[in-house]
Each structure stands twice: as C-alpha cells, then as structure tokens.
Full PDB file with SEQRES, HELIX, SHEET, SSBOND, CRYST1, ORIGX, SCALE, CONECT and MASTER records, all heavy atoms in Angstrom:
SEQRES   1 A   31  ASP VAL PRO ILE ILE ILE VAL THR SER LYS ASN SER ASP          
SEQRES   2 A   31  ILE ASP GLU LEU MET SER ILE ASN PHE GLY ALA ASP ASP          
SEQRES   3 A   31  PHE ILE THR LYS PRO                                          
HELIX    1 AA1 ASP A   13  PHE A   22  1                                  10    
SHEET    1 AA1 2 ILE A   5  THR A   8  0                                        
SHEET    2 AA1 2 ASP A  26  THR A  29  1                                        
CRYST1    1.000    1.000    1.000  90.00  90.00  90.00 P 1           1          
ORIGX1      1.000000  0.000000  0.000000        0.00000                         
ORIGX2      0.000000  1.000000  0.000000        0.00000                         
ORIGX3      0.000000  0.000000  1.000000        0.00000                         
SCALE1      1.000000  0.000000  0.000000        0.00000                         
SCALE2      0.000000  1.000000  0.000000        0.00000                         
SCALE3      0.000000  0.000000  1.000000        0.00000                         
ATOM      1  N   ASP A   1      30.221  38.904  42.290  1.00  0.00           N  
ATOM      2  CA  ASP A   1      29.670  38.277  41.100  1.00  0.00           C  
ATOM      3  C   ASP A   1      30.544  37.792  40.103  1.00  0.00           C  
ATOM      4  O   ASP A   1      30.177  37.416  39.069  1.00  0.00           O  
ATOM      5  CB  ASP A   1      28.599  39.147  40.390  1.00  0.00           C  
ATOM      6  CG  ASP A   1      27.370  39.286  41.264  1.00  0.00           C  
ATOM      7  OD1 ASP A   1      26.939  38.483  41.952  1.00  0.00           O  
ATOM      8  OD2 ASP A   1      26.779  40.566  41.190  1.00  0.00           O  
ATOM      9  N   VAL A   2      31.852  37.688  40.513  1.00  0.00           N  
ATOM     10  CA  VAL A   2      32.878  37.261  39.514  1.00  0.00           C  
ATOM     11  C   VAL A   2      32.553  35.849  39.008  1.00  0.00           C  
ATOM     12  O   VAL A   2      32.157  34.996  39.790  1.00  0.00           O  
ATOM     13  CB  VAL A   2      34.325  37.215  40.294  1.00  0.00           C  
ATOM     14  CG1 VAL A   2      34.435  36.153  41.351  1.00  0.00           C  
ATOM     15  CG2 VAL A   2      35.422  37.118  39.196  1.00  0.00           C  
ATOM     16  N   PRO A   3      32.673  35.712  37.729  1.00  0.00           N  
ATOM     17  CA  PRO A   3      32.404  34.390  37.131  1.00  0.00           C  
ATOM     18  C   PRO A   3      33.485  33.339  37.729  1.00  0.00           C  
ATOM     19  O   PRO A   3      34.613  33.597  37.882  1.00  0.00           O  
ATOM     20  CB  PRO A   3      32.785  34.567  35.674  1.00  0.00           C  
ATOM     21  CG  PRO A   3      32.544  36.017  35.504  1.00  0.00           C  
ATOM     22  CD  PRO A   3      33.180  36.634  36.726  1.00  0.00           C  
ATOM     23  N   ILE A   4      32.941  32.111  38.134  1.00  0.00           N  
ATOM     24  CA  ILE A   4      33.691  31.084  38.621  1.00  0.00           C  
ATOM     25  C   ILE A   4      33.431  29.800  37.876  1.00  0.00           C  
ATOM     26  O   ILE A   4      32.291  29.363  37.625  1.00  0.00           O  
ATOM     27  CB  ILE A   4      33.180  30.875  40.167  1.00  0.00           C  
ATOM     28  CG1 ILE A   4      33.328  32.035  41.006  1.00  0.00           C  
ATOM     29  CG2 ILE A   4      33.910  29.618  40.790  1.00  0.00           C  
ATOM     30  CD1 ILE A   4      32.654  31.931  42.451  1.00  0.00           C  
ATOM     31  N   ILE A   5      34.561  29.275  37.530  1.00  0.00           N  
ATOM     32  CA  ILE A   5      34.491  27.949  36.927  1.00  0.00           C  
ATOM     33  C   ILE A   5      35.169  27.011  37.835  1.00  0.00           C  
ATOM     34  O   ILE A   5      36.392  27.077  38.217  1.00  0.00           O  
ATOM     35  CB  ILE A   5      35.308  27.854  35.604  1.00  0.00           C  
ATOM     36  CG1 ILE A   5      34.605  28.817  34.554  1.00  0.00           C  
ATOM     37  CG2 ILE A   5      35.259  26.536  34.859  1.00  0.00           C  
ATOM     38  CD1 ILE A   5      35.326  28.952  33.135  1.00  0.00           C  
ATOM     39  N   ILE A   6      34.499  25.850  38.206  1.00  0.00           N  
ATOM     40  CA  ILE A   6      34.916  24.775  39.060  1.00  0.00           C  
ATOM     41  C   ILE A   6      35.908  23.888  38.160  1.00  0.00           C  
ATOM     42  O   ILE A   6      35.242  23.501  37.139  1.00  0.00           O  
ATOM     43  CB  ILE A   6      33.955  24.130  39.745  1.00  0.00           C  
ATOM     44  CG1 ILE A   6      33.051  24.899  40.765  1.00  0.00           C  
ATOM     45  CG2 ILE A   6      34.404  22.719  40.548  1.00  0.00           C  
ATOM     46  CD1 ILE A   6      33.760  25.540  41.792  1.00  0.00           C  
ATOM     47  N   VAL A   7      36.959  23.595  38.380  1.00  0.00           N  
ATOM     48  CA  VAL A   7      37.763  22.826  37.768  1.00  0.00           C  
ATOM     49  C   VAL A   7      38.318  21.619  38.708  1.00  0.00           C  
ATOM     50  O   VAL A   7      39.204  22.002  39.681  1.00  0.00           O  
ATOM     51  CB  VAL A   7      39.207  23.617  37.166  1.00  0.00           C  
ATOM     52  CG1 VAL A   7      39.989  22.486  36.205  1.00  0.00           C  
ATOM     53  CG2 VAL A   7      38.610  24.731  36.276  1.00  0.00           C  
ATOM     54  N   THR A   8      37.784  20.441  38.576  1.00  0.00           N  
ATOM     55  CA  THR A   8      38.001  19.410  39.674  1.00  0.00           C  
ATOM     56  C   THR A   8      38.176  18.066  39.089  1.00  0.00           C  
ATOM     57  O   THR A   8      37.614  17.781  37.934  1.00  0.00           O  
ATOM     58  CB  THR A   8      36.922  19.604  40.646  1.00  0.00           C  
ATOM     59  OG1 THR A   8      37.043  18.633  41.693  1.00  0.00           O  
ATOM     60  CG2 THR A   8      35.602  19.276  39.994  1.00  0.00           C  
ATOM     61  N   SER A   9      38.718  17.177  39.900  1.00  0.00           N  
ATOM     62  CA  SER A   9      38.725  15.712  39.678  1.00  0.00           C  
ATOM     63  C   SER A   9      37.406  15.078  40.034  1.00  0.00           C  
ATOM     64  O   SER A   9      37.072  13.898  39.684  1.00  0.00           O  
ATOM     65  CB  SER A   9      39.867  15.062  40.193  1.00  0.00           C  
ATOM     66  OG  SER A   9      39.799  15.282  41.664  1.00  0.00           O  
ATOM     67  N   LYS A  10      36.613  15.730  40.880  1.00  0.00           N  
ATOM     68  CA  LYS A  10      35.381  15.172  41.227  1.00  0.00           C  
ATOM     69  C   LYS A  10      34.327  15.231  39.995  1.00  0.00           C  
ATOM     70  O   LYS A  10      34.188  16.243  39.382  1.00  0.00           O  
ATOM     71  CB  LYS A  10      34.794  16.050  42.508  1.00  0.00           C  
ATOM     72  CG  LYS A  10      35.472  15.811  43.725  1.00  0.00           C  
ATOM     73  CD  LYS A  10      34.918  16.525  44.908  1.00  0.00           C  
ATOM     74  CE  LYS A  10      35.288  16.068  46.231  1.00  0.00           C  
ATOM     75  NZ  LYS A  10      34.465  15.350  46.942  1.00  0.00           N  
ATOM     76  N   ASN A  11      33.827  14.113  39.692  1.00  0.00           N  
ATOM     77  CA  ASN A  11      32.982  13.993  38.578  1.00  0.00           C  
ATOM     78  C   ASN A  11      31.499  13.530  38.746  1.00  0.00           C  
ATOM     79  O   ASN A  11      30.984  13.069  37.711  1.00  0.00           O  
ATOM     80  CB  ASN A  11      33.724  13.226  37.402  1.00  0.00           C  
ATOM     81  CG  ASN A  11      33.944  11.890  37.733  1.00  0.00           C  
ATOM     82  OD1 ASN A  11      33.643  11.436  38.948  1.00  0.00           O  
ATOM     83  ND2 ASN A  11      34.543  11.091  36.917  1.00  0.00           N  
ATOM     84  N   SER A  12      30.979  13.505  40.014  1.00  0.00           N  
ATOM     85  CA  SER A  12      29.651  13.078  40.143  1.00  0.00           C  
ATOM     86  C   SER A  12      28.619  14.141  39.846  1.00  0.00           C  
ATOM     87  O   SER A  12      28.940  15.331  39.980  1.00  0.00           O  
ATOM     88  CB  SER A  12      29.499  12.449  41.580  1.00  0.00           C  
ATOM     89  OG  SER A  12      29.415  13.498  42.444  1.00  0.00           O  
ATOM     90  N   ASP A  13      27.488  13.721  39.573  1.00  0.00           N  
ATOM     91  CA  ASP A  13      26.419  14.718  39.376  1.00  0.00           C  
ATOM     92  C   ASP A  13      26.208  15.545  40.676  1.00  0.00           C  
ATOM     93  O   ASP A  13      25.960  16.798  40.505  1.00  0.00           O  
ATOM     94  CB  ASP A  13      25.087  14.062  39.030  1.00  0.00           C  
ATOM     95  CG  ASP A  13      25.081  13.425  37.632  1.00  0.00           C  
ATOM     96  OD1 ASP A  13      25.831  13.748  36.761  1.00  0.00           O  
ATOM     97  OD2 ASP A  13      24.227  12.497  37.404  1.00  0.00           O  
ATOM     98  N   ILE A  14      26.353  14.958  41.826  1.00  0.00           N  
ATOM     99  CA  ILE A  14      26.196  15.715  43.130  1.00  0.00           C  
ATOM    100  C   ILE A  14      27.175  16.738  43.172  1.00  0.00           C  
ATOM    101  O   ILE A  14      26.898  17.935  43.741  1.00  0.00           O  
ATOM    102  CB  ILE A  14      26.027  14.775  44.291  1.00  0.00           C  
ATOM    103  CG1 ILE A  14      25.581  15.477  45.641  1.00  0.00           C  
ATOM    104  CG2 ILE A  14      27.366  14.118  44.549  1.00  0.00           C  
ATOM    105  CD1 ILE A  14      24.126  15.935  45.479  1.00  0.00           C  
ATOM    106  N   ASP A  15      28.537  16.510  42.807  1.00  0.00           N  
ATOM    107  CA  ASP A  15      29.474  17.523  42.825  1.00  0.00           C  
ATOM    108  C   ASP A  15      29.190  18.688  41.922  1.00  0.00           C  
ATOM    109  O   ASP A  15      29.376  19.887  42.374  1.00  0.00           O  
ATOM    110  CB  ASP A  15      30.874  16.862  42.423  1.00  0.00           C  
ATOM    111  CG  ASP A  15      31.321  15.855  43.411  1.00  0.00           C  
ATOM    112  OD1 ASP A  15      31.310  16.097  44.568  1.00  0.00           O  
ATOM    113  OD2 ASP A  15      31.705  14.748  43.058  1.00  0.00           O  
ATOM    114  N   GLU A  16      28.667  18.345  40.739  1.00  0.00           N  
ATOM    115  CA  GLU A  16      28.312  19.414  39.792  1.00  0.00           C  
ATOM    116  C   GLU A  16      27.187  20.242  40.380  1.00  0.00           C  
ATOM    117  O   GLU A  16      27.179  21.509  40.412  1.00  0.00           O  
ATOM    118  CB  GLU A  16      28.021  18.883  38.413  1.00  0.00           C  
ATOM    119  CG  GLU A  16      27.840  19.843  37.386  1.00  0.00           C  
ATOM    120  CD  GLU A  16      27.720  19.366  35.986  1.00  0.00           C  
ATOM    121  OE1 GLU A  16      27.892  18.149  35.801  1.00  0.00           O  
ATOM    122  OE2 GLU A  16      27.567  20.229  35.058  1.00  0.00           O  
ATOM    123  N   LEU A  17      26.215  19.453  40.942  1.00  0.00           N  
ATOM    124  CA  LEU A  17      24.979  20.284  41.370  1.00  0.00           C  
ATOM    125  C   LEU A  17      25.374  21.037  42.539  1.00  0.00           C  
ATOM    126  O   LEU A  17      24.908  22.235  42.677  1.00  0.00           O  
ATOM    127  CB  LEU A  17      23.921  19.086  41.772  1.00  0.00           C  
ATOM    128  CG  LEU A  17      22.582  19.576  42.337  1.00  0.00           C  
ATOM    129  CD1 LEU A  17      21.906  20.451  41.383  1.00  0.00           C  
ATOM    130  CD2 LEU A  17      21.798  18.434  42.882  1.00  0.00           C  
ATOM    131  N   MET A  18      26.178  20.598  43.530  1.00  0.00           N  
ATOM    132  CA  MET A  18      26.562  21.468  44.656  1.00  0.00           C  
ATOM    133  C   MET A  18      27.296  22.732  44.085  1.00  0.00           C  
ATOM    134  O   MET A  18      27.128  23.712  44.706  1.00  0.00           O  
ATOM    135  CB  MET A  18      27.445  20.592  45.536  1.00  0.00           C  
ATOM    136  CG  MET A  18      26.675  19.640  46.435  1.00  0.00           C  
ATOM    137  SD  MET A  18      27.620  18.517  47.477  1.00  0.00           S  
ATOM    138  CE  MET A  18      28.554  19.762  48.515  1.00  0.00           C  
ATOM    139  N   SER A  19      28.236  22.504  43.270  1.00  0.00           N  
ATOM    140  CA  SER A  19      28.974  23.571  42.695  1.00  0.00           C  
ATOM    141  C   SER A  19      28.056  24.697  42.162  1.00  0.00           C  
ATOM    142  O   SER A  19      28.299  25.877  42.427  1.00  0.00           O  
ATOM    143  CB  SER A  19      30.014  23.188  41.702  1.00  0.00           C  
ATOM    144  OG  SER A  19      30.949  22.331  42.191  1.00  0.00           O  
ATOM    145  N   ILE A  20      27.194  24.337  41.326  1.00  0.00           N  
ATOM    146  CA  ILE A  20      26.162  25.200  40.767  1.00  0.00           C  
ATOM    147  C   ILE A  20      25.366  25.855  41.800  1.00  0.00           C  
ATOM    148  O   ILE A  20      25.119  27.122  41.779  1.00  0.00           O  
ATOM    149  CB  ILE A  20      25.408  24.525  39.638  1.00  0.00           C  
ATOM    150  CG1 ILE A  20      26.183  24.028  38.551  1.00  0.00           C  
ATOM    151  CG2 ILE A  20      24.297  25.552  39.052  1.00  0.00           C  
ATOM    152  CD1 ILE A  20      27.179  25.023  37.813  1.00  0.00           C  
ATOM    153  N   ASN A  21      24.951  25.160  42.828  1.00  0.00           N  
ATOM    154  CA  ASN A  21      24.088  25.610  43.876  1.00  0.00           C  
ATOM    155  C   ASN A  21      24.824  26.552  44.813  1.00  0.00           C  
ATOM    156  O   ASN A  21      24.189  27.431  45.378  1.00  0.00           O  
ATOM    157  CB  ASN A  21      23.410  24.508  44.700  1.00  0.00           C  
ATOM    158  CG  ASN A  21      22.247  23.748  44.021  1.00  0.00           C  
ATOM    159  OD1 ASN A  21      21.657  24.383  43.070  1.00  0.00           O  
ATOM    160  ND2 ASN A  21      21.967  22.666  44.324  1.00  0.00           N  
ATOM    161  N   PHE A  22      26.065  26.366  44.918  1.00  0.00           N  
ATOM    162  CA  PHE A  22      26.995  27.273  45.720  1.00  0.00           C  
ATOM    163  C   PHE A  22      27.248  28.457  44.924  1.00  0.00           C  
ATOM    164  O   PHE A  22      27.971  29.380  45.479  1.00  0.00           O  
ATOM    165  CB  PHE A  22      28.131  26.643  46.372  1.00  0.00           C  
ATOM    166  CG  PHE A  22      27.658  25.686  47.437  1.00  0.00           C  
ATOM    167  CD1 PHE A  22      28.291  24.405  47.607  1.00  0.00           C  
ATOM    168  CD2 PHE A  22      26.768  26.074  48.381  1.00  0.00           C  
ATOM    169  CE1 PHE A  22      27.988  23.714  48.666  1.00  0.00           C  
ATOM    170  CE2 PHE A  22      26.481  25.146  49.559  1.00  0.00           C  
ATOM    171  CZ  PHE A  22      27.043  23.973  49.620  1.00  0.00           C  
ATOM    172  N   GLY A  23      26.973  28.676  43.653  1.00  0.00           N  
ATOM    173  CA  GLY A  23      27.198  29.802  42.853  1.00  0.00           C  
ATOM    174  C   GLY A  23      28.192  29.691  41.668  1.00  0.00           C  
ATOM    175  O   GLY A  23      28.425  30.784  41.139  1.00  0.00           O  
ATOM    176  N   ALA A  24      28.736  28.669  41.588  1.00  0.00           N  
ATOM    177  CA  ALA A  24      29.658  28.454  40.329  1.00  0.00           C  
ATOM    178  C   ALA A  24      28.774  28.659  39.021  1.00  0.00           C  
ATOM    179  O   ALA A  24      27.691  28.358  38.956  1.00  0.00           O  
ATOM    180  CB  ALA A  24      30.346  27.055  40.338  1.00  0.00           C  
ATOM    181  N   ASP A  25      29.459  29.130  38.007  1.00  0.00           N  
ATOM    182  CA  ASP A  25      28.906  29.435  36.741  1.00  0.00           C  
ATOM    183  C   ASP A  25      29.111  28.215  35.670  1.00  0.00           C  
ATOM    184  O   ASP A  25      28.345  28.165  34.849  1.00  0.00           O  
ATOM    185  CB  ASP A  25      29.480  30.792  36.084  1.00  0.00           C  
ATOM    186  CG  ASP A  25      29.204  31.902  37.040  1.00  0.00           C  
ATOM    187  OD1 ASP A  25      28.077  32.317  36.906  1.00  0.00           O  
ATOM    188  OD2 ASP A  25      30.124  32.469  37.625  1.00  0.00           O  
ATOM    189  N   ASP A  26      30.262  27.469  36.019  1.00  0.00           N  
ATOM    190  CA  ASP A  26      30.542  26.271  35.109  1.00  0.00           C  
ATOM    191  C   ASP A  26      31.249  25.348  35.942  1.00  0.00           C  
ATOM    192  O   ASP A  26      31.800  25.586  36.990  1.00  0.00           O  
ATOM    193  CB  ASP A  26      31.259  26.831  33.894  1.00  0.00           C  
ATOM    194  CG  ASP A  26      31.157  25.889  32.701  1.00  0.00           C  
ATOM    195  OD1 ASP A  26      30.569  24.720  32.831  1.00  0.00           O  
ATOM    196  OD2 ASP A  26      31.549  26.325  31.540  1.00  0.00           O  
ATOM    197  N   PHE A  27      31.380  24.106  35.343  1.00  0.00           N  
ATOM    198  CA  PHE A  27      31.910  23.006  36.059  1.00  0.00           C  
ATOM    199  C   PHE A  27      32.572  22.086  34.983  1.00  0.00           C  
ATOM    200  O   PHE A  27      32.089  21.823  33.925  1.00  0.00           O  
ATOM    201  CB  PHE A  27      30.922  22.173  36.742  1.00  0.00           C  
ATOM    202  CG  PHE A  27      31.242  21.043  37.537  1.00  0.00           C  
ATOM    203  CD1 PHE A  27      31.530  21.148  38.942  1.00  0.00           C  
ATOM    204  CD2 PHE A  27      31.415  19.754  36.922  1.00  0.00           C  
ATOM    205  CE1 PHE A  27      31.946  20.005  39.621  1.00  0.00           C  
ATOM    206  CE2 PHE A  27      31.822  18.725  37.738  1.00  0.00           C  
ATOM    207  CZ  PHE A  27      32.112  18.725  39.095  1.00  0.00           C  
ATOM    208  N   ILE A  28      33.929  21.921  35.146  1.00  0.00           N  
ATOM    209  CA  ILE A  28      34.615  21.058  34.279  1.00  0.00           C  
ATOM    210  C   ILE A  28      35.474  20.054  35.032  1.00  0.00           C  
ATOM    211  O   ILE A  28      36.140  20.420  35.986  1.00  0.00           O  
ATOM    212  CB  ILE A  28      35.535  22.005  33.215  1.00  0.00           C  
ATOM    213  CG1 ILE A  28      36.057  21.155  32.139  1.00  0.00           C  
ATOM    214  CG2 ILE A  28      36.588  22.769  33.985  1.00  0.00           C  
ATOM    215  CD1 ILE A  28      36.597  22.011  30.937  1.00  0.00           C  
ATOM    216  N   THR A  29      35.615  18.865  34.502  1.00  0.00           N  
ATOM    217  CA  THR A  29      36.273  17.820  35.229  1.00  0.00           C  
ATOM    218  C   THR A  29      37.639  17.501  34.554  1.00  0.00           C  
ATOM    219  O   THR A  29      37.791  17.705  33.438  1.00  0.00           O  
ATOM    220  CB  THR A  29      35.459  16.537  35.267  1.00  0.00           C  
ATOM    221  OG1 THR A  29      35.192  16.139  33.962  1.00  0.00           O  
ATOM    222  CG2 THR A  29      34.287  16.649  36.109  1.00  0.00           C  
ATOM    223  N   LYS A  30      38.573  17.281  35.514  1.00  0.00           N  
ATOM    224  CA  LYS A  30      39.975  16.732  35.189  1.00  0.00           C  
ATOM    225  C   LYS A  30      39.868  15.224  34.732  1.00  0.00           C  
ATOM    226  O   LYS A  30      39.145  14.698  35.373  1.00  0.00           O  
ATOM    227  CB  LYS A  30      40.970  16.959  36.258  1.00  0.00           C  
ATOM    228  CG  LYS A  30      41.013  18.436  36.862  1.00  0.00           C  
ATOM    229  CD  LYS A  30      41.920  18.468  37.934  1.00  0.00           C  
ATOM    230  CE  LYS A  30      41.771  19.774  38.838  1.00  0.00           C  
ATOM    231  NZ  LYS A  30      42.512  19.728  40.111  1.00  0.00           N  
ATOM    232  N   PRO A  31      40.592  14.871  33.866  1.00  0.00           N  
ATOM    233  CA  PRO A  31      41.540  15.661  32.993  1.00  0.00           C  
ATOM    234  C   PRO A  31      40.518  16.328  31.822  1.00  0.00           C  
ATOM    235  O   PRO A  31      39.596  15.940  31.543  1.00  0.00           O  
ATOM    236  CB  PRO A  31      42.506  14.653  32.189  1.00  0.00           C  
ATOM    237  CG  PRO A  31      41.651  13.500  32.294  1.00  0.00           C  
ATOM    238  CD  PRO A  31      40.797  13.440  33.566  1.00  0.00           C  
TER     239      PRO A  31                                                      
MASTER        0    0    0    1    2    0    0    6  238    1    0    3          
END                                                                             
C-alpha cells in the first residue's frame, strides 16, 4: 500500500485515469 505518485511526460486524461485505476495515489506531469 506504499503511496505512489506517477511523475510522467504523458499528459492525457487516459494516462491519468489508467494510473489511478492501477493504484497510483497521485499523478503529476512533466515539466
């Protein structure tokens, strides 16, 4: 259950949705 923040250059809604659905706690885009 470790907290996971996705930090990525992918910035579409589907990328954020997939990240959250796979268990990420937060999503932040580069830069």
